[in-house]
Protein backbone atom coordinates (compact mmCIF):
# COMPACT_ATOMS: atom_id res chain seq x y z
CA UNK A 1 -84.02 33.06 -91.00
CA UNK A 2 -82.31 34.32 -87.91
CA UNK A 3 -81.32 32.07 -85.07
CA UNK A 4 -83.26 32.50 -81.84
CA UNK A 5 -81.25 33.81 -78.97
CA UNK A 6 -80.43 31.62 -76.08
CA UNK A 7 -79.46 34.57 -73.90
CA UNK A 8 -81.10 38.02 -73.27
CA UNK A 9 -79.89 41.02 -71.53
CA UNK A 10 -82.51 42.31 -68.95
CA UNK A 11 -83.56 45.89 -69.73
CA UNK A 12 -86.17 46.17 -66.95
CA UNK A 13 -87.92 44.10 -64.34
CA UNK A 14 -91.50 45.05 -63.41
CA UNK A 15 -92.30 42.84 -60.37
CA UNK A 16 -95.98 44.07 -60.38
CA UNK A 17 -96.35 44.25 -64.21
CA UNK A 18 -97.55 47.21 -66.07
CA UNK A 19 -99.15 49.71 -63.84
CA UNK A 20 -101.94 50.73 -66.21
CA UNK A 21 -102.89 47.15 -67.31
CA UNK A 22 -104.15 45.98 -63.92
CA UNK A 23 -102.90 42.36 -64.42
CA UNK A 24 -100.23 42.60 -61.74
CA UNK A 25 -98.21 39.80 -63.51
CA UNK A 26 -94.46 40.18 -63.24
CA UNK A 27 -92.73 41.16 -66.57
CA UNK A 28 -89.21 41.25 -67.72
CA UNK A 29 -88.26 43.43 -70.66
CA UNK A 30 -85.14 42.11 -72.36
CA UNK A 31 -83.24 42.26 -75.62
CA UNK A 32 -81.67 39.20 -77.36
CA UNK A 33 -77.96 39.19 -77.01
CA UNK A 34 -77.27 38.28 -80.75
CA UNK A 35 -80.52 38.84 -82.68
CA UNK A 36 -81.51 42.02 -80.85
CA UNK A 37 -85.16 41.13 -80.47
CA UNK A 38 -86.98 43.09 -77.90
CA UNK A 39 -88.94 40.47 -75.81
CA UNK A 40 -91.34 40.30 -72.87
CA UNK A 41 -90.70 37.46 -70.46
CA UNK A 42 -92.43 35.90 -67.43
CA UNK A 43 -89.92 35.38 -64.63
CA UNK A 44 -90.00 32.37 -62.33
CA UNK A 45 -91.89 33.19 -59.07
CA UNK A 46 -89.64 34.60 -56.43
CA UNK A 47 -86.44 35.15 -58.42
CA UNK A 48 -84.46 38.31 -58.22
CA UNK A 49 -83.79 39.98 -61.65
CA UNK A 50 -81.85 43.16 -62.19
CA UNK A 51 -81.39 45.42 -65.33
CA UNK A 52 -78.26 44.53 -67.18
CA UNK A 53 -78.28 41.00 -66.11
CA UNK A 54 -77.73 38.16 -68.66
CA UNK A 55 -80.45 35.51 -68.48
CA UNK A 56 -80.89 32.23 -70.26
CA UNK A 57 -84.06 31.78 -72.30
CA UNK A 58 -82.92 28.78 -74.46
CA UNK A 59 -84.70 25.46 -74.82
CA UNK A 60 -83.05 23.72 -71.76
CA UNK A 61 -84.12 24.16 -68.21
CA UNK A 62 -84.30 27.92 -67.43
CA UNK A 63 -83.53 29.11 -63.80
CA UNK A 64 -85.02 32.67 -63.94
CA UNK A 65 -87.42 32.80 -66.78
CA UNK A 66 -90.68 30.77 -66.76
CA UNK A 67 -91.74 31.47 -70.30
CA UNK A 68 -91.50 33.99 -73.09
CA UNK A 69 -94.67 36.04 -73.42
CA UNK A 70 -93.61 37.44 -76.85
CA UNK A 71 -92.11 40.38 -78.74
CA UNK A 72 -92.05 43.63 -76.69
CA UNK A 73 -93.97 46.43 -78.43
CA UNK A 74 -91.78 49.50 -78.60
CA UNK A 75 -94.50 51.48 -77.10
CA UNK A 76 -94.16 49.46 -73.90
CA UNK A 77 -90.52 50.08 -73.25
CA UNK A 78 -90.13 51.63 -69.93
CA UNK A 79 -87.70 54.62 -69.30
CA UNK A 80 -85.47 52.18 -67.44
CA UNK A 81 -85.44 49.90 -70.36
CA UNK A 82 -84.64 52.66 -72.81
CA UNK A 83 -81.56 53.68 -70.69
CA UNK A 84 -80.45 50.09 -70.42
CA UNK A 85 -80.94 49.65 -74.23
CA UNK A 86 -78.78 52.66 -74.93
CA UNK A 87 -76.04 51.20 -72.74
CA UNK A 88 -76.50 47.78 -74.36
CA UNK A 89 -75.98 49.18 -77.85
CA UNK A 90 -72.98 51.25 -76.82
CA UNK A 91 -71.38 48.12 -75.31
CA UNK A 92 -72.21 46.10 -78.44
CA UNK A 93 -70.68 48.82 -80.69
CA UNK A 94 -67.51 49.04 -78.53
CA UNK A 95 -67.07 45.15 -78.22
CA UNK A 96 -67.51 44.71 -82.07
CA UNK A 97 -65.74 47.75 -83.32
CA UNK A 98 -63.75 45.70 -85.80
CA UNK A 99 -67.01 44.22 -87.24
CA UNK A 100 -68.40 47.69 -87.78
CA UNK A 101 -65.30 49.11 -89.29
CA UNK A 102 -65.40 46.11 -91.65
CA UNK A 103 -68.90 47.11 -92.52
CA UNK A 104 -67.63 50.69 -93.51
CA UNK A 105 -64.84 48.99 -95.52
CA UNK A 106 -67.08 46.57 -97.44
CA UNK A 107 -70.71 48.03 -97.63
CA UNK A 108 -72.30 48.36 -101.00
CA UNK A 109 -75.07 50.27 -102.52
CA UNK A 110 -78.77 49.17 -102.20
CA UNK A 111 -79.42 50.37 -105.81
CA UNK A 112 -78.23 52.96 -108.27
CA UNK A 113 -79.74 55.94 -106.29
CA UNK A 114 -79.08 54.76 -102.63
CA UNK A 115 -76.09 53.59 -100.83
CA UNK A 116 -76.33 51.67 -97.51
CA UNK A 117 -74.03 54.19 -95.84
CA UNK A 118 -76.62 56.95 -96.48
CA UNK A 119 -78.98 54.96 -94.12
CA UNK A 120 -76.74 55.91 -91.24
CA UNK A 121 -77.93 59.14 -89.32
CA UNK A 122 -76.20 62.21 -90.54
CA UNK A 123 -74.58 60.42 -93.53
CA UNK A 124 -75.37 61.84 -97.03
CA UNK A 125 -73.93 61.41 -100.43
CA UNK A 126 -70.98 63.64 -99.82
CA UNK A 127 -69.93 61.66 -96.69
CA UNK A 128 -70.59 58.34 -98.61
CA UNK A 129 -68.32 59.36 -101.45
CA UNK A 130 -65.55 60.48 -98.99
CA UNK A 131 -65.79 57.09 -97.13
CA UNK A 132 -65.62 55.19 -100.58
CA UNK A 133 -62.64 57.17 -101.72
CA UNK A 134 -60.81 56.76 -98.43
CA UNK A 135 -61.32 53.03 -98.22
CA UNK A 136 -60.25 52.51 -101.83
CA UNK A 137 -56.80 53.98 -100.82
CA UNK A 138 -56.51 51.80 -97.85
CA UNK A 139 -59.24 50.03 -95.65
CA UNK A 140 -60.15 51.66 -92.32
CA UNK A 141 -58.45 50.17 -89.30
CA UNK A 142 -60.68 51.82 -86.45
CA UNK A 143 -63.26 54.41 -85.84
CA UNK A 144 -60.31 56.79 -85.03
CA UNK A 145 -58.66 56.04 -88.27
CA UNK A 146 -62.06 56.91 -90.10
CA UNK A 147 -62.23 60.23 -88.16
CA UNK A 148 -58.73 61.07 -89.22
CA UNK A 149 -58.96 60.06 -92.90
CA UNK A 150 -62.54 61.08 -93.53
CA UNK A 151 -62.61 64.14 -91.45
CA UNK A 152 -65.99 65.62 -92.60
CA UNK A 153 -67.82 62.45 -91.79
CA UNK A 154 -70.05 62.28 -88.67
CA UNK A 155 -68.78 60.33 -85.70
CA UNK A 156 -69.07 56.61 -86.88
CA UNK A 157 -69.48 55.12 -83.55
CA UNK A 158 -72.40 57.56 -82.74
CA UNK A 159 -73.96 56.89 -86.08
CA UNK A 160 -73.84 53.11 -85.70
CA UNK A 161 -75.35 53.54 -82.18
CA UNK A 162 -78.21 55.64 -83.48
CA UNK A 163 -78.88 53.31 -86.42
CA UNK A 164 -78.94 50.25 -84.07
CA UNK A 165 -81.47 51.98 -81.92
CA UNK A 166 -83.64 52.78 -84.95
CA UNK A 167 -83.53 49.16 -86.19
CA UNK A 168 -84.29 47.77 -82.74
CA UNK A 169 -87.04 50.13 -81.75
CA UNK A 170 -88.47 51.73 -84.91
CA UNK A 171 -87.95 48.81 -87.37
CA UNK A 172 -87.10 50.84 -90.69
CA UNK A 173 -87.69 49.26 -94.06
CA UNK A 174 -83.93 48.62 -94.73
CA UNK A 175 -81.82 46.85 -91.94
CA UNK A 176 -78.10 47.09 -91.75
CA UNK A 177 -77.32 45.22 -88.60
CA UNK A 178 -80.48 43.76 -86.87
CA UNK A 179 -80.98 40.10 -88.24
CA UNK A 180 -77.78 40.46 -90.43
CA UNK A 181 -74.61 38.50 -90.31
CA UNK A 182 -72.41 41.49 -89.24
CA UNK A 183 -71.92 39.96 -85.79
CA UNK A 184 -71.38 36.46 -86.72
CA UNK A 185 -67.65 36.51 -86.03
CA UNK A 186 -66.61 37.73 -82.54
CA UNK A 187 -63.46 39.67 -81.84
């Protein structure tokens, strides 16, 4: 079971709610800082909230969020929220590069016919074999090291970013990062 996030990053703030729903209740669209859950939140009346802001939603007294409405359906993500989510993902991948490189160095197959690396966008059996051969010689040290030593492999940073987007928004059957222990140790 994954631990609930105490902090979220605001993706969008709709002071008048969803235009087509007619409720006119302010809504904050946000993503959990560690667990990557998309959430809908009700802000405290009269507060100012901006996209990209880190906001506390834990069990103690909250200063900007009145209550958690629930999970945010991916179909309700606003365009602003989508842009902020892409920026959030790029930041996470940049800040945790060593953890993602460790993923490439240690990840194993799901079964005899499918390797976890093949779940990354653009990665096939040929790329997977090249990564496995290269990491057996010497573990990768960075994304740049991967690009040099496994030259036919798609850009690992972009592949991770695309996969994170898929896992957060589209919720595929197999998860590599969301809800996993990959981000447990901070740089």
